[in-house]
Structures are given as structure tokens and as C-alpha cells.
Amino acid sequence: AIAGAGCFGLVCAAWAAQVLFDREALRRDRAVREAR
């Protein structure tokens, strides 16, 4: 059960990393910062 929860967490982290570490996220972050 603990190993399964760890595996599930790794899958979730990989899924989030696909969104957070792409060029589009950097572009959006830069645009929000400039707007502020």
C-alpha cells in the first residue's frame, strides 16, 4: 500500500511537471509578471 501510494505520487508529480516545466508556462508566467 505504501509502495502504491509512492508510485501514485510519482505519476502525479510527472503529470504536473509536464505542465510546469514547458515553454508555454514560462511564457504565461512572464506575461503575468509584466502585466503586474
Full PDB file with SEQRES, HELIX, SHEET, SSBOND, CRYST1, ORIGX, SCALE, CONECT and MASTER records, all heavy atoms in Angstrom:
SEQRES   1 A   36  ALA ILE ALA GLY ALA GLY CYS PHE GLY LEU VAL CYS ALA          
SEQRES   2 A   36  ALA TRP ALA ALA GLN VAL LEU PHE ASP ARG GLU ALA LEU          
SEQRES   3 A   36  ARG ARG ASP ARG ALA VAL ARG GLU ALA ARG                      
HELIX    1 AA1 ILE A    2  LEU A   20  1                                  19    
HELIX    2 AA2 ARG A   23  ALA A   35  1                                  13    
CRYST1    1.000    1.000    1.000  90.00  90.00  90.00 P 1           1          
ORIGX1      1.000000  0.000000  0.000000        0.00000                         
ORIGX2      0.000000  1.000000  0.000000        0.00000                         
ORIGX3      0.000000  0.000000  1.000000        0.00000                         
SCALE1      1.000000  0.000000  0.000000        0.00000                         
SCALE2      0.000000  1.000000  0.000000        0.00000                         
SCALE3      0.000000  0.000000  1.000000        0.00000                         
ATOM      1  N   ALA A   1       0.831  -1.204   0.000  1.00  0.00           N  
ATOM      2  CA  ALA A   1       0.000   0.000   0.000  1.00  0.00           C  
ATOM      3  C   ALA A   1       0.869   1.259   0.000  1.00  0.00           C  
ATOM      4  O   ALA A   1       0.573   2.227  -0.709  1.00  0.00           O  
ATOM      5  CB  ALA A   1      -0.934   0.004   1.200  1.00  0.00           C  
ATOM      6  N   ILE A   2       1.940   1.239   0.781  1.00  0.00           N  
ATOM      7  CA  ILE A   2       2.837   2.394   0.822  1.00  0.00           C  
ATOM      8  C   ILE A   2       3.567   2.545  -0.509  1.00  0.00           C  
ATOM      9  O   ILE A   2       3.711   3.646  -1.029  1.00  0.00           O  
ATOM     10  CB  ILE A   2       3.837   2.264   1.990  1.00  0.00           C  
ATOM     11  CG1 ILE A   2       3.081   2.280   3.319  1.00  0.00           C  
ATOM     12  CG2 ILE A   2       4.882   3.368   1.954  1.00  0.00           C  
ATOM     13  CD1 ILE A   2       3.950   1.999   4.515  1.00  0.00           C  
ATOM     14  N   ALA A   3       4.009   1.424  -1.065  1.00  0.00           N  
ATOM     15  CA  ALA A   3       4.680   1.475  -2.361  1.00  0.00           C  
ATOM     16  C   ALA A   3       3.722   1.961  -3.447  1.00  0.00           C  
ATOM     17  O   ALA A   3       4.109   2.737  -4.320  1.00  0.00           O  
ATOM     18  CB  ALA A   3       5.234   0.097  -2.723  1.00  0.00           C  
ATOM     19  N   GLY A   4       2.476   1.553  -3.387  1.00  0.00           N  
ATOM     20  CA  GLY A   4       1.484   2.006  -4.364  1.00  0.00           C  
ATOM     21  C   GLY A   4       1.203   3.484  -4.247  1.00  0.00           C  
ATOM     22  O   GLY A   4       1.054   4.185  -5.251  1.00  0.00           O  
ATOM     23  N   ALA A   5       1.137   3.976  -3.007  1.00  0.00           N  
ATOM     24  CA  ALA A   5       0.939   5.419  -2.813  1.00  0.00           C  
ATOM     25  C   ALA A   5       2.134   6.204  -3.342  1.00  0.00           C  
ATOM     26  O   ALA A   5       1.964   7.270  -3.944  1.00  0.00           O  
ATOM     27  CB  ALA A   5       0.715   5.717  -1.339  1.00  0.00           C  
ATOM     28  N   GLY A   6       3.326   5.686  -3.142  1.00  0.00           N  
ATOM     29  CA  GLY A   6       4.518   6.341  -3.685  1.00  0.00           C  
ATOM     30  C   GLY A   6       4.521   6.354  -5.196  1.00  0.00           C  
ATOM     31  O   GLY A   6       4.879   7.355  -5.817  1.00  0.00           O  
ATOM     32  N   CYS A   7       4.111   5.251  -5.792  1.00  0.00           N  
ATOM     33  CA  CYS A   7       4.030   5.177  -7.251  1.00  0.00           C  
ATOM     34  C   CYS A   7       2.989   6.159  -7.774  1.00  0.00           C  
ATOM     35  O   CYS A   7       3.208   6.860  -8.759  1.00  0.00           O  
ATOM     36  CB  CYS A   7       3.698   3.755  -7.665  1.00  0.00           C  
ATOM     37  SG  CYS A   7       3.705   3.496  -9.439  1.00  0.00           S  
ATOM     38  N   PHE A   8       1.838   6.228  -7.109  1.00  0.00           N  
ATOM     39  CA  PHE A   8       0.797   7.165  -7.499  1.00  0.00           C  
ATOM     40  C   PHE A   8       1.291   8.608  -7.397  1.00  0.00           C  
ATOM     41  O   PHE A   8       1.045   9.431  -8.281  1.00  0.00           O  
ATOM     42  CB  PHE A   8      -0.443   6.973  -6.622  1.00  0.00           C  
ATOM     43  CG  PHE A   8      -1.561   7.903  -6.928  1.00  0.00           C  
ATOM     44  CD1 PHE A   8      -2.341   7.722  -8.054  1.00  0.00           C  
ATOM     45  CD2 PHE A   8      -1.832   8.970  -6.092  1.00  0.00           C  
ATOM     46  CE1 PHE A   8      -3.376   8.590  -8.346  1.00  0.00           C  
ATOM     47  CE2 PHE A   8      -2.863   9.840  -6.374  1.00  0.00           C  
ATOM     48  CZ  PHE A   8      -3.641   9.655  -7.507  1.00  0.00           C  
ATOM     49  N   GLY A   9       2.027   8.926  -6.328  1.00  0.00           N  
ATOM     50  CA  GLY A   9       2.581  10.267  -6.167  1.00  0.00           C  
ATOM     51  C   GLY A   9       3.580  10.611  -7.256  1.00  0.00           C  
ATOM     52  O   GLY A   9       3.621  11.742  -7.745  1.00  0.00           O  
ATOM     53  N   LEU A  10       4.397   9.633  -7.649  1.00  0.00           N  
ATOM     54  CA  LEU A  10       5.350   9.881  -8.735  1.00  0.00           C  
ATOM     55  C   LEU A  10       4.639  10.155 -10.055  1.00  0.00           C  
ATOM     56  O   LEU A  10       5.055  11.024 -10.823  1.00  0.00           O  
ATOM     57  CB  LEU A  10       6.301   8.691  -8.891  1.00  0.00           C  
ATOM     58  CG  LEU A  10       7.433   8.617  -7.885  1.00  0.00           C  
ATOM     59  CD1 LEU A  10       8.204   7.316  -8.073  1.00  0.00           C  
ATOM     60  CD2 LEU A  10       8.354   9.803  -8.041  1.00  0.00           C  
ATOM     61  N   VAL A  11       3.579   9.427 -10.313  1.00  0.00           N  
ATOM     62  CA  VAL A  11       2.808   9.654 -11.546  1.00  0.00           C  
ATOM     63  C   VAL A  11       2.189  11.050 -11.522  1.00  0.00           C  
ATOM     64  O   VAL A  11       2.223  11.775 -12.522  1.00  0.00           O  
ATOM     65  CB  VAL A  11       1.730   8.561 -11.723  1.00  0.00           C  
ATOM     66  CG1 VAL A  11       0.763   8.922 -12.827  1.00  0.00           C  
ATOM     67  CG2 VAL A  11       2.386   7.220 -12.000  1.00  0.00           C  
ATOM     68  N   CYS A  12       1.640  11.442 -10.379  1.00  0.00           N  
ATOM     69  CA  CYS A  12       1.043  12.776 -10.256  1.00  0.00           C  
ATOM     70  C   CYS A  12       2.097  13.866 -10.417  1.00  0.00           C  
ATOM     71  O   CYS A  12       1.842  14.890 -11.063  1.00  0.00           O  
ATOM     72  CB  CYS A  12       0.340  12.919  -8.921  1.00  0.00           C  
ATOM     73  SG  CYS A  12      -1.143  11.918  -8.800  1.00  0.00           S  
ATOM     74  N   ALA A  13       3.273  13.669  -9.837  1.00  0.00           N  
ATOM     75  CA  ALA A  13       4.344  14.654  -9.970  1.00  0.00           C  
ATOM     76  C   ALA A  13       4.807  14.756 -11.425  1.00  0.00           C  
ATOM     77  O   ALA A  13       5.069  15.857 -11.925  1.00  0.00           O  
ATOM     78  CB  ALA A  13       5.514  14.285  -9.069  1.00  0.00           C  
ATOM     79  N   ALA A  14       4.890  13.635 -12.116  1.00  0.00           N  
ATOM     80  CA  ALA A  14       5.274  13.663 -13.529  1.00  0.00           C  
ATOM     81  C   ALA A  14       4.222  14.373 -14.374  1.00  0.00           C  
ATOM     82  O   ALA A  14       4.553  15.131 -15.290  1.00  0.00           O  
ATOM     83  CB  ALA A  14       5.492  12.240 -14.040  1.00  0.00           C  
ATOM     84  N   TRP A  15       2.968  14.156 -14.053  1.00  0.00           N  
ATOM     85  CA  TRP A  15       1.880  14.809 -14.770  1.00  0.00           C  
ATOM     86  C   TRP A  15       1.930  16.324 -14.559  1.00  0.00           C  
ATOM     87  O   TRP A  15       1.796  17.107 -15.494  1.00  0.00           O  
ATOM     88  CB  TRP A  15       0.560  14.219 -14.310  1.00  0.00           C  
ATOM     89  CG  TRP A  15      -0.649  14.704 -15.021  1.00  0.00           C  
ATOM     90  CD1 TRP A  15      -0.763  14.995 -16.351  1.00  0.00           C  
ATOM     91  CD2 TRP A  15      -1.936  14.949 -14.454  1.00  0.00           C  
ATOM     92  NE1 TRP A  15      -2.033  15.399 -16.632  1.00  0.00           N  
ATOM     93  CE2 TRP A  15      -2.773  15.388 -15.492  1.00  0.00           C  
ATOM     94  CE3 TRP A  15      -2.440  14.837 -13.168  1.00  0.00           C  
ATOM     95  CZ2 TRP A  15      -4.094  15.709 -15.264  1.00  0.00           C  
ATOM     96  CZ3 TRP A  15      -3.759  15.155 -12.952  1.00  0.00           C  
ATOM     97  CH2 TRP A  15      -4.574  15.587 -13.993  1.00  0.00           C  
ATOM     98  N   ALA A  16       2.158  16.747 -13.318  1.00  0.00           N  
ATOM     99  CA  ALA A  16       2.259  18.177 -13.027  1.00  0.00           C  
ATOM    100  C   ALA A  16       3.506  18.779 -13.670  1.00  0.00           C  
ATOM    101  O   ALA A  16       3.475  19.920 -14.149  1.00  0.00           O  
ATOM    102  CB  ALA A  16       2.276  18.403 -11.524  1.00  0.00           C  
ATOM    103  N   ALA A  17       4.586  18.026 -13.713  1.00  0.00           N  
ATOM    104  CA  ALA A  17       5.822  18.528 -14.313  1.00  0.00           C  
ATOM    105  C   ALA A  17       5.668  18.785 -15.804  1.00  0.00           C  
ATOM    106  O   ALA A  17       6.293  19.702 -16.340  1.00  0.00           O  
ATOM    107  CB  ALA A  17       6.961  17.540 -14.067  1.00  0.00           C  
ATOM    108  N   GLN A  18       4.846  18.011 -16.475  1.00  0.00           N  
ATOM    109  CA  GLN A  18       4.616  18.245 -17.900  1.00  0.00           C  
ATOM    110  C   GLN A  18       4.028  19.626 -18.145  1.00  0.00           C  
ATOM    111  O   GLN A  18       4.304  20.259 -19.155  1.00  0.00           O  
ATOM    112  CB  GLN A  18       3.682  17.187 -18.477  1.00  0.00           C  
ATOM    113  CG  GLN A  18       4.298  15.835 -18.594  1.00  0.00           C  
ATOM    114  CD  GLN A  18       3.305  14.815 -19.122  1.00  0.00           C  
ATOM    115  OE1 GLN A  18       2.131  15.088 -19.291  1.00  0.00           O  
ATOM    116  NE2 GLN A  18       3.793  13.623 -19.377  1.00  0.00           N  
ATOM    117  N   VAL A  19       3.229  20.103 -17.211  1.00  0.00           N  
ATOM    118  CA  VAL A  19       2.606  21.417 -17.358  1.00  0.00           C  
ATOM    119  C   VAL A  19       3.531  22.516 -16.839  1.00  0.00           C  
ATOM    120  O   VAL A  19       3.630  23.580 -17.443  1.00  0.00           O  
ATOM    121  CB  VAL A  19       1.269  21.454 -16.587  1.00  0.00           C  
ATOM    122  CG1 VAL A  19       0.650  22.827 -16.627  1.00  0.00           C  
ATOM    123  CG2 VAL A  19       0.310  20.413 -17.144  1.00  0.00           C  
ATOM    124  N   LEU A  20       4.224  22.271 -15.741  1.00  0.00           N  
ATOM    125  CA  LEU A  20       5.005  23.320 -15.085  1.00  0.00           C  
ATOM    126  C   LEU A  20       6.352  23.590 -15.733  1.00  0.00           C  
ATOM    127  O   LEU A  20       6.901  24.672 -15.592  1.00  0.00           O  
ATOM    128  CB  LEU A  20       5.229  22.959 -13.617  1.00  0.00           C  
ATOM    129  CG  LEU A  20       3.976  22.942 -12.752  1.00  0.00           C  
ATOM    130  CD1 LEU A  20       4.317  22.422 -11.366  1.00  0.00           C  
ATOM    131  CD2 LEU A  20       3.367  24.318 -12.665  1.00  0.00           C  
ATOM    132  N   PHE A  21       6.914  22.630 -16.420  1.00  0.00           N  
ATOM    133  CA  PHE A  21       8.263  22.782 -16.941  1.00  0.00           C  
ATOM    134  C   PHE A  21       8.310  22.930 -18.459  1.00  0.00           C  
ATOM    135  O   PHE A  21       9.325  22.638 -19.075  1.00  0.00           O  
ATOM    136  CB  PHE A  21       9.134  21.590 -16.511  1.00  0.00           C  
ATOM    137  CG  PHE A  21       9.412  21.574 -15.040  1.00  0.00           C  
ATOM    138  CD1 PHE A  21       8.603  20.857 -14.178  1.00  0.00           C  
ATOM    139  CD2 PHE A  21      10.460  22.280 -14.516  1.00  0.00           C  
ATOM    140  CE1 PHE A  21       8.848  20.839 -12.816  1.00  0.00           C  
ATOM    141  CE2 PHE A  21      10.723  22.275 -13.157  1.00  0.00           C  
ATOM    142  CZ  PHE A  21       9.907  21.549 -12.309  1.00  0.00           C  
ATOM    143  N   ASP A  22       7.232  23.422 -19.066  1.00  0.00           N  
ATOM    144  CA  ASP A  22       7.264  23.624 -20.515  1.00  0.00           C  
ATOM    145  C   ASP A  22       7.439  25.106 -20.845  1.00  0.00           C  
ATOM    146  O   ASP A  22       7.340  25.975 -19.991  1.00  0.00           O  
ATOM    147  CB  ASP A  22       6.015  23.057 -21.185  1.00  0.00           C  
ATOM    148  CG  ASP A  22       4.756  23.828 -20.824  1.00  0.00           C  
ATOM    149  OD1 ASP A  22       4.806  24.628 -19.880  1.00  0.00           O  
ATOM    150  OD2 ASP A  22       3.744  23.619 -21.490  1.00  0.00           O  
ATOM    151  N   ARG A  23       7.735  25.408 -22.098  1.00  0.00           N  
ATOM    152  CA  ARG A  23       7.980  26.790 -22.518  1.00  0.00           C  
ATOM    153  C   ARG A  23       6.726  27.646 -22.424  1.00  0.00           C  
ATOM    154  O   ARG A  23       6.810  28.837 -22.154  1.00  0.00           O  
ATOM    155  CB  ARG A  23       8.504  26.812 -23.950  1.00  0.00           C  
ATOM    156  CG  ARG A  23       9.888  26.262 -24.083  1.00  0.00           C  
ATOM    157  CD  ARG A  23      10.336  26.321 -25.527  1.00  0.00           C  
ATOM    158  NE  ARG A  23      11.501  25.500 -25.728  1.00  0.00           N  
ATOM    159  CZ  ARG A  23      12.716  25.996 -25.835  1.00  0.00           C  
ATOM    160  NH1 ARG A  23      12.912  27.282 -25.753  1.00  0.00           N  
ATOM    161  NH2 ARG A  23      13.728  25.196 -26.019  1.00  0.00           N  
ATOM    162  N   GLU A  24       5.577  27.055 -22.620  1.00  0.00           N  
ATOM    163  CA  GLU A  24       4.328  27.811 -22.554  1.00  0.00           C  
ATOM    164  C   GLU A  24       4.083  28.335 -21.142  1.00  0.00           C  
ATOM    165  O   GLU A  24       3.620  29.466 -20.963  1.00  0.00           O  
ATOM    166  CB  GLU A  24       3.166  26.924 -23.005  1.00  0.00           C  
ATOM    167  CG  GLU A  24       1.866  27.663 -23.175  1.00  0.00           C  
ATOM    168  CD  GLU A  24       1.888  28.674 -24.295  1.00  0.00           C  
ATOM    169  OE1 GLU A  24       2.707  28.563 -25.221  1.00  0.00           O  
ATOM    170  OE2 GLU A  24       1.063  29.613 -24.233  1.00  0.00           O  
ATOM    171  N   ALA A  25       4.404  27.554 -20.142  1.00  0.00           N  
ATOM    172  CA  ALA A  25       4.248  28.008 -18.756  1.00  0.00           C  
ATOM    173  C   ALA A  25       5.188  29.174 -18.476  1.00  0.00           C  
ATOM    174  O   ALA A  25       4.804  30.132 -17.793  1.00  0.00           O  
ATOM    175  CB  ALA A  25       4.517  26.861 -17.791  1.00  0.00           C  
ATOM    176  N   LEU A  26       6.403  29.113 -18.987  1.00  0.00           N  
ATOM    177  CA  LEU A  26       7.330  30.219 -18.816  1.00  0.00           C  
ATOM    178  C   LEU A  26       6.817  31.480 -19.497  1.00  0.00           C  
ATOM    179  O   LEU A  26       6.926  32.578 -18.956  1.00  0.00           O  
ATOM    180  CB  LEU A  26       8.709  29.848 -19.374  1.00  0.00           C  
ATOM    181  CG  LEU A  26       9.470  28.773 -18.627  1.00  0.00           C  
ATOM    182  CD1 LEU A  26      10.737  28.413 -19.381  1.00  0.00           C  
ATOM    183  CD2 LEU A  26       9.802  29.246 -17.232  1.00  0.00           C  
ATOM    184  N   ARG A  27       6.241  31.340 -20.671  1.00  0.00           N  
ATOM    185  CA  ARG A  27       5.705  32.488 -21.393  1.00  0.00           C  
ATOM    186  C   ARG A  27       4.545  33.110 -20.625  1.00  0.00           C  
ATOM    187  O   ARG A  27       4.470  34.328 -20.469  1.00  0.00           O  
ATOM    188  CB  ARG A  27       5.250  32.071 -22.791  1.00  0.00           C  
ATOM    189  CG  ARG A  27       4.834  33.243 -23.654  1.00  0.00           C  
ATOM    190  CD  ARG A  27       4.164  32.795 -24.934  1.00  0.00           C  
ATOM    191  NE  ARG A  27       2.914  32.093 -24.695  1.00  0.00           N  
ATOM    192  CZ  ARG A  27       1.767  32.680 -24.353  1.00  0.00           C  
ATOM    193  NH1 ARG A  27       1.707  33.976 -24.187  1.00  0.00           N  
ATOM    194  NH2 ARG A  27       0.679  31.976 -24.173  1.00  0.00           N  
ATOM    195  N   ARG A  28       3.632  32.279 -20.109  1.00  0.00           N  
ATOM    196  CA  ARG A  28       2.499  32.797 -19.343  1.00  0.00           C  
ATOM    197  C   ARG A  28       2.968  33.488 -18.070  1.00  0.00           C  
ATOM    198  O   ARG A  28       2.463  34.553 -17.711  1.00  0.00           O  
ATOM    199  CB  ARG A  28       1.528  31.666 -18.995  1.00  0.00           C  
ATOM    200  CG  ARG A  28       0.705  31.195 -20.151  1.00  0.00           C  
ATOM    201  CD  ARG A  28      -0.385  30.241 -19.692  1.00  0.00           C  
ATOM    202  NE  ARG A  28       0.099  29.133 -18.884  1.00  0.00           N  
ATOM    203  CZ  ARG A  28       0.430  27.943 -19.358  1.00  0.00           C  
ATOM    204  NH1 ARG A  28       0.300  27.679 -20.634  1.00  0.00           N  
ATOM    205  NH2 ARG A  28       0.864  27.001 -18.551  1.00  0.00           N  
ATOM    206  N   ASP A  29       3.938  32.897 -17.382  1.00  0.00           N  
ATOM    207  CA  ASP A  29       4.455  33.491 -16.159  1.00  0.00           C  
ATOM    208  C   ASP A  29       5.087  34.852 -16.436  1.00  0.00           C  
ATOM    209  O   ASP A  29       4.881  35.808 -15.696  1.00  0.00           O  
ATOM    210  CB  ASP A  29       5.471  32.553 -15.517  1.00  0.00           C  
ATOM    211  CG  ASP A  29       6.002  33.085 -14.207  1.00  0.00           C  
ATOM    212  OD1 ASP A  29       5.174  33.342 -13.305  1.00  0.00           O  
ATOM    213  OD2 ASP A  29       7.233  33.232 -14.094  1.00  0.00           O  
ATOM    214  N   ARG A  30       5.843  34.950 -17.509  1.00  0.00           N  
ATOM    215  CA  ARG A  30       6.470  36.214 -17.878  1.00  0.00           C  
ATOM    216  C   ARG A  30       5.409  37.258 -18.215  1.00  0.00           C  
ATOM    217  O   ARG A  30       5.519  38.421 -17.807  1.00  0.00           O  
ATOM    218  CB  ARG A  30       7.401  36.006 -19.076  1.00  0.00           C  
ATOM    219  CG  ARG A  30       8.278  37.189 -19.360  1.00  0.00           C  
ATOM    220  CD  ARG A  30       9.255  36.932 -20.509  1.00  0.00           C  
ATOM    221  NE  ARG A  30       9.977  35.690 -20.367  1.00  0.00           N  
ATOM    222  CZ  ARG A  30       9.882  34.655 -21.230  1.00  0.00           C  
ATOM    223  NH1 ARG A  30       9.099  34.726 -22.275  1.00  0.00           N  
ATOM    224  NH2 ARG A  30      10.587  33.565 -21.033  1.00  0.00           N  
ATOM    225  N   ALA A  31       4.354  36.863 -18.920  1.00  0.00           N  
ATOM    226  CA  ALA A  31       3.294  37.801 -19.282  1.00  0.00           C  
ATOM    227  C   ALA A  31       2.553  38.305 -18.046  1.00  0.00           C  
ATOM    228  O   ALA A  31       2.242  39.500 -17.942  1.00  0.00           O  
ATOM    229  CB  ALA A  31       2.313  37.130 -20.240  1.00  0.00           C  
ATOM    230  N   VAL A  32       2.285  37.425 -17.100  1.00  0.00           N  
ATOM    231  CA  VAL A  32       1.609  37.845 -15.861  1.00  0.00           C  
ATOM    232  C   VAL A  32       2.499  38.793 -15.073  1.00  0.00           C  
ATOM    233  O   VAL A  32       2.037  39.815 -14.554  1.00  0.00           O  
ATOM    234  CB  VAL A  32       1.220  36.611 -15.025  1.00  0.00           C  
ATOM    235  CG1 VAL A  32       0.805  37.007 -13.623  1.00  0.00           C  
ATOM    236  CG2 VAL A  32       0.119  35.832 -15.709  1.00  0.00           C  
ATOM    237  N   ARG A  33       3.778  38.482 -14.976  1.00  0.00           N  
ATOM    238  CA  ARG A  33       4.702  39.337 -14.241  1.00  0.00           C  
ATOM    239  C   ARG A  33       4.793  40.727 -14.870  1.00  0.00           C  
ATOM    240  O   ARG A  33       4.774  41.748 -14.179  1.00  0.00           O  
ATOM    241  CB  ARG A  33       6.086  38.678 -14.209  1.00  0.00           C  
ATOM    242  CG  ARG A  33       6.964  39.200 -13.129  1.00  0.00           C  
ATOM    243  CD  ARG A  33       8.281  38.433 -12.965  1.00  0.00           C  
ATOM    244  NE  ARG A  33       8.267  37.084 -13.468  1.00  0.00           N  
ATOM    245  CZ  ARG A  33       9.071  36.646 -14.449  1.00  0.00           C  
ATOM    246  NH1 ARG A  33       9.936  37.454 -15.015  1.00  0.00           N  
ATOM    247  NH2 ARG A  33       9.016  35.383 -14.849  1.00  0.00           N  
ATOM    248  N   GLU A  34       4.879  40.795 -16.209  1.00  0.00           N  
ATOM    249  CA  GLU A  34       4.930  42.081 -16.890  1.00  0.00           C  
ATOM    250  C   GLU A  34       3.638  42.865 -16.707  1.00  0.00           C  
ATOM    251  O   GLU A  34       3.685  44.089 -16.539  1.00  0.00           O  
ATOM    252  CB  GLU A  34       5.222  41.867 -18.373  1.00  0.00           C  
ATOM    253  CG  GLU A  34       6.643  41.403 -18.633  1.00  0.00           C  
ATOM    254  CD  GLU A  34       6.875  40.994 -20.083  1.00  0.00           C  
ATOM    255  OE1 GLU A  34       5.914  41.054 -20.889  1.00  0.00           O  
ATOM    256  OE2 GLU A  34       8.005  40.619 -20.399  1.00  0.00           O  
ATOM    257  N   ALA A  35       2.505  42.185 -16.710  1.00  0.00           N  
ATOM    258  CA  ALA A  35       1.232  42.868 -16.501  1.00  0.00           C  
ATOM    259  C   ALA A  35       1.155  43.456 -15.099  1.00  0.00           C  
ATOM    260  O   ALA A  35       0.654  44.564 -14.899  1.00  0.00           O  
ATOM    261  CB  ALA A  35       0.065  41.906 -16.738  1.00  0.00           C  
ATOM    262  N   ARG A  36       1.642  42.716 -14.116  1.00  0.00           N  
ATOM    263  CA  ARG A  36       1.659  43.239 -12.733  1.00  0.00           C  
ATOM    264  C   ARG A  36       2.548  44.473 -12.631  1.00  0.00           C  
ATOM    265  O   ARG A  36       2.209  45.445 -11.974  1.00  0.00           O  
ATOM    266  CB  ARG A  36       2.169  42.177 -11.766  1.00  0.00           C  
ATOM    267  CG  ARG A  36       1.177  41.120 -11.451  1.00  0.00           C  
ATOM    268  CD  ARG A  36       1.784  40.164 -10.453  1.00  0.00           C  
ATOM    269  NE  ARG A  36       0.915  39.034 -10.217  1.00  0.00           N  
ATOM    270  CZ  ARG A  36       1.328  37.883  -9.740  1.00  0.00           C  
ATOM    271  NH1 ARG A  36       2.603  37.707  -9.443  1.00  0.00           N  
ATOM    272  NH2 ARG A  36       0.481  36.901  -9.538  1.00  0.00           N  
TER     273      ARG A  36                                                      
MASTER        0    0    0    2    0    0    0    6  272    1    0    3          
END                                                                             
